[in-house]
Amino acid sequence: MLEPARPAQRDRLRRHLSSADPDLAILIRRIGRCGLRVDRARQPYESLVRAVAHQQLHGRAAEAILGRMIAVHGAFPSPAQLLAMDLAALRACGFSGSKVAAMHGVAEAALSGLVPTRARAARMTDAALIERLVALRGIGRWTVEMLLIFSLGRQDIMPVDDFGVREGFRLIRGLDRQPKPRELAEATQAWSPYRSAAAWYLWRAADEGKAPAAANPMTA
């Protein structure tokens, strides 16, 4: 189930972010309440596989590919089921060979315990989860950050490598170019401890700048 932030929490983060940055305050007034939603029923294994599917693809295309895979089982495949699927069947769903290899790596790591359960992940820090999971094939920092934000509900993640986040920041600042990841990290320190919500607002700013606008399903 996708759970929105509680009203009191939304009020706190809006006040904090608005007071921390006047440009962000203007964006927040224009967009309205934060619509970031967390799927607290989803296990890290599934979140990582879904994030792999979304890498370098439009959201709708990735969801269509995932839908074809899910249709085979009638539900999201378990790690064992994913590993048992025929390679040709996965390719027929639309996954590239490199994505299949990455998904298999995630499934194997889930079975071995390297990819933690949700209960175990809840006891780990953001840094510890990132360090552990980026060791997997095809899993970069961005992929883990999507898990942290949209599945584990971590409040203070700023995905500085995300194109949409950097573009949203460029737009609200009126810059000629996107900030580099390190520049963005430094510029958004004052937004802590609500940088995940701030990232959601930057995605919205990037969506506004598109013609026609098309929101990323992972961030809507």
Protein backbone atom coordinates (compact mmCIF):
# COMPACT_ATOMS: atom_id res chain seq x y z
CA MET A 1 0.00 0.00 0.00
CA LEU A 2 1.27 3.44 -0.87
CA GLU A 3 1.14 5.61 2.22
CA PRO A 4 1.32 9.42 2.04
CA ALA A 5 2.99 11.42 4.76
CA ARG A 6 0.79 12.27 7.74
CA PRO A 7 -0.66 15.82 7.74
CA ALA A 8 1.41 16.90 10.74
CA GLN A 9 4.57 15.61 9.11
CA ARG A 10 3.71 17.34 5.82
CA ASP A 11 3.26 20.61 7.70
CA ARG A 12 6.61 20.25 9.46
CA LEU A 13 8.55 19.47 6.33
CA ARG A 14 6.89 22.27 4.35
CA ARG A 15 7.69 24.80 7.06
CA HIS A 16 11.27 23.62 7.37
CA LEU A 17 11.97 23.50 3.63
CA SER A 18 10.27 26.83 2.98
CA SER A 19 12.26 28.57 5.70
CA ALA A 20 15.50 26.93 4.57
CA ASP A 21 15.35 28.12 0.96
CA PRO A 22 13.29 30.94 -0.61
CA ASP A 23 13.40 29.38 -4.10
CA LEU A 24 12.15 26.09 -2.71
CA ALA A 25 9.46 27.98 -0.78
CA ILE A 26 8.12 29.43 -4.04
CA LEU A 27 8.02 25.96 -5.59
CA ILE A 28 6.25 24.49 -2.56
CA ARG A 29 3.60 27.21 -2.62
CA ARG A 30 2.98 26.54 -6.30
CA ILE A 31 2.88 22.73 -6.07
CA GLY A 32 1.06 22.41 -2.76
CA ARG A 33 1.28 19.54 -0.33
CA CYS A 34 3.95 16.90 -0.69
CA GLY A 35 2.61 13.85 -2.48
CA LEU A 36 5.54 11.54 -1.81
CA ARG A 37 4.17 8.09 -1.03
CA VAL A 38 5.92 5.12 0.54
CA ASP A 39 5.08 1.49 -0.21
CA ARG A 40 5.65 0.02 3.24
CA ALA A 41 4.48 -3.44 2.21
CA ARG A 42 7.19 -3.93 -0.39
CA GLN A 43 10.30 -5.94 0.45
CA PRO A 44 13.75 -4.57 -0.52
CA TYR A 45 14.21 -7.45 -3.00
CA GLU A 46 11.15 -6.43 -4.98
CA SER A 47 12.02 -2.73 -4.78
CA LEU A 48 15.49 -3.37 -6.17
CA VAL A 49 14.23 -5.53 -9.02
CA ARG A 50 11.67 -2.88 -9.91
CA ALA A 51 14.34 -0.17 -9.77
CA VAL A 52 16.55 -2.20 -12.13
CA ALA A 53 13.63 -2.42 -14.56
CA HIS A 54 13.24 1.37 -14.45
CA GLN A 55 16.89 2.11 -15.16
CA GLN A 56 17.24 4.18 -18.36
CA LEU A 57 13.60 3.66 -19.32
CA HIS A 58 10.49 5.81 -19.29
CA GLY A 59 8.32 4.85 -16.33
CA ARG A 60 5.43 3.56 -18.43
CA ALA A 61 7.71 1.32 -20.49
CA ALA A 62 9.31 -0.14 -17.36
CA GLU A 63 5.93 -0.83 -15.76
CA ALA A 64 4.72 -2.56 -18.93
CA ILE A 65 7.76 -4.86 -18.89
CA LEU A 66 7.29 -5.61 -15.19
CA GLY A 67 3.61 -6.29 -15.82
CA ARG A 68 4.45 -8.95 -18.39
CA MET A 69 6.78 -10.66 -15.94
CA ILE A 70 4.21 -10.52 -13.13
CA ALA A 71 1.55 -11.98 -15.42
CA VAL A 72 3.56 -15.20 -15.67
CA HIS A 73 3.11 -15.86 -11.94
CA GLY A 74 0.01 -13.84 -11.14
CA ALA A 75 2.08 -11.94 -8.57
CA PHE A 76 5.56 -10.51 -8.27
CA PRO A 77 7.92 -13.53 -8.52
CA SER A 78 9.83 -14.60 -5.43
CA PRO A 79 13.63 -14.75 -5.67
CA ALA A 80 13.48 -18.49 -6.35
CA GLN A 81 10.78 -18.05 -8.99
CA LEU A 82 12.72 -15.30 -10.71
CA LEU A 83 15.84 -17.45 -10.86
CA ALA A 84 13.81 -20.36 -12.23
CA MET A 85 12.35 -18.31 -15.09
CA ASP A 86 13.71 -19.15 -18.51
CA LEU A 87 16.13 -16.53 -19.82
CA ALA A 88 14.28 -16.35 -23.11
CA ALA A 89 11.01 -15.74 -21.25
CA LEU A 90 12.53 -12.82 -19.34
CA ARG A 91 13.97 -11.38 -22.54
CA ALA A 92 10.55 -11.77 -24.16
CA CYS A 93 9.10 -9.59 -21.39
CA GLY A 94 11.41 -6.83 -22.57
CA PHE A 95 14.38 -7.04 -20.20
CA SER A 96 17.85 -6.60 -21.65
CA GLY A 97 20.50 -9.21 -20.97
CA SER A 98 22.30 -6.89 -18.56
CA LYS A 99 19.08 -6.23 -16.63
CA VAL A 100 18.34 -9.95 -16.38
CA ALA A 101 21.83 -10.49 -14.97
CA ALA A 102 21.31 -7.68 -12.44
CA MET A 103 17.90 -9.04 -11.43
CA HIS A 104 19.33 -12.53 -10.98
CA GLY A 105 22.07 -11.06 -8.81
CA VAL A 106 19.46 -9.36 -6.62
CA ALA A 107 17.45 -12.59 -6.33
CA GLU A 108 20.53 -14.61 -5.36
CA ALA A 109 21.52 -11.95 -2.82
CA ALA A 110 18.01 -12.02 -1.34
CA LEU A 111 18.20 -15.78 -0.89
CA SER A 112 21.65 -15.52 0.73
CA GLY A 113 20.57 -12.70 3.04
CA LEU A 114 22.82 -10.08 1.47
CA VAL A 115 19.70 -8.18 0.40
CA PRO A 116 18.04 -7.74 3.81
CA THR A 117 14.43 -8.28 4.66
CA ARG A 118 12.38 -5.20 5.38
CA ALA A 119 12.64 -5.86 9.13
CA ARG A 120 16.41 -6.16 8.94
CA ALA A 121 16.74 -3.10 6.69
CA ALA A 122 14.78 -1.04 9.22
CA ARG A 123 17.64 -1.57 11.70
CA MET A 124 20.34 -0.48 9.24
CA THR A 125 21.50 3.06 8.52
CA ASP A 126 21.19 4.67 5.10
CA ALA A 127 24.97 4.51 4.66
CA ALA A 128 25.16 0.84 5.63
CA LEU A 129 22.42 -0.13 3.17
CA ILE A 130 24.04 1.82 0.36
CA GLU A 131 27.46 0.30 1.04
CA ARG A 132 26.04 -3.22 1.12
CA LEU A 133 23.78 -3.04 -1.90
CA VAL A 134 25.96 -1.12 -4.37
CA ALA A 135 28.27 -4.15 -4.32
CA LEU A 136 25.64 -6.01 -6.36
CA ARG A 137 25.91 -6.11 -10.13
CA GLY A 138 23.85 -3.41 -11.79
CA ILE A 139 22.92 -1.74 -8.49
CA GLY A 140 24.24 1.78 -8.19
CA ARG A 141 23.71 4.42 -5.57
CA TRP A 142 20.64 5.83 -7.36
CA THR A 143 18.92 2.44 -7.31
CA VAL A 144 19.47 2.07 -3.57
CA GLU A 145 18.30 5.64 -2.97
CA MET A 146 15.00 4.84 -4.71
CA LEU A 147 14.62 1.89 -2.32
CA LEU A 148 15.39 4.13 0.65
CA ILE A 149 12.87 6.80 -0.37
CA PHE A 150 9.96 4.88 -1.85
CA SER A 151 10.04 1.59 0.05
CA LEU A 152 11.79 2.22 3.37
CA GLY A 153 10.49 5.76 3.81
CA ARG A 154 13.83 7.32 4.73
CA GLN A 155 13.26 11.07 5.06
CA ASP A 156 16.67 12.56 4.39
CA ILE A 157 17.82 11.24 1.00
CA MET A 158 18.96 13.61 -1.74
CA PRO A 159 19.62 11.59 -4.94
CA VAL A 160 22.18 13.96 -6.39
CA ASP A 161 22.86 11.76 -9.44
CA ASP A 162 19.22 11.88 -10.55
CA PHE A 163 18.72 13.88 -13.75
CA GLY A 164 15.24 15.09 -12.74
CA VAL A 165 16.41 16.28 -9.33
CA ARG A 166 19.32 18.21 -10.83
CA GLU A 167 17.07 19.66 -13.52
CA GLY A 168 14.48 20.73 -10.97
CA PHE A 169 17.18 22.47 -8.94
CA ARG A 170 18.48 24.20 -12.08
CA LEU A 171 15.01 25.48 -12.85
CA ILE A 172 14.16 26.85 -9.42
CA ARG A 173 17.55 28.58 -9.26
CA GLY A 174 17.38 29.87 -12.83
CA LEU A 175 20.78 28.36 -13.65
CA ASP A 176 22.25 27.89 -17.13
CA ARG A 177 23.39 24.35 -16.34
CA GLN A 178 22.55 21.58 -13.95
CA PRO A 179 24.62 21.45 -10.77
CA LYS A 180 27.16 18.70 -10.45
CA PRO A 181 26.30 16.06 -7.84
CA ARG A 182 28.74 17.44 -5.28
CA GLU A 183 27.47 20.98 -5.83
CA LEU A 184 23.89 19.82 -5.34
CA ALA A 185 24.78 17.91 -2.17
CA GLU A 186 26.39 21.01 -0.68
CA ALA A 187 23.59 23.34 -1.78
CA THR A 188 20.88 21.18 -0.20
CA GLN A 189 22.48 20.48 3.17
CA ALA A 190 20.22 23.05 4.83
CA TRP A 191 17.17 21.10 3.63
CA SER A 192 18.02 18.21 5.97
CA PRO A 193 16.28 16.30 7.56
CA TYR A 194 13.59 16.42 4.85
CA ARG A 195 15.62 16.08 1.69
CA SER A 196 13.52 13.17 0.38
CA ALA A 197 10.48 15.43 0.27
CA ALA A 198 12.61 18.18 -1.26
CA ALA A 199 13.66 15.76 -3.99
CA TRP A 200 9.98 15.06 -4.68
CA TYR A 201 9.38 18.79 -5.13
CA LEU A 202 12.38 19.05 -7.47
CA TRP A 203 10.97 16.20 -9.57
CA ARG A 204 7.75 18.17 -9.82
CA ALA A 205 9.69 21.25 -10.94
CA ALA A 206 11.41 19.17 -13.62
CA ASP A 207 8.03 17.84 -14.74
CA GLU A 208 6.75 21.40 -15.07
CA GLY A 209 9.66 22.19 -17.35
CA LYS A 210 8.86 19.37 -19.76
CA ALA A 211 6.78 19.88 -22.89
CA PRO A 212 4.50 18.07 -22.63
CA ALA A 213 4.90 17.32 -18.90
CA ALA A 214 5.05 13.63 -18.03
CA ALA A 215 5.57 12.62 -14.42
CA ASN A 216 7.79 9.67 -13.51
CA PRO A 217 5.53 7.02 -11.91
CA MET A 218 8.22 6.26 -9.36
CA THR A 219 8.05 9.81 -8.07
CA ALA A 220 4.39 10.69 -8.49
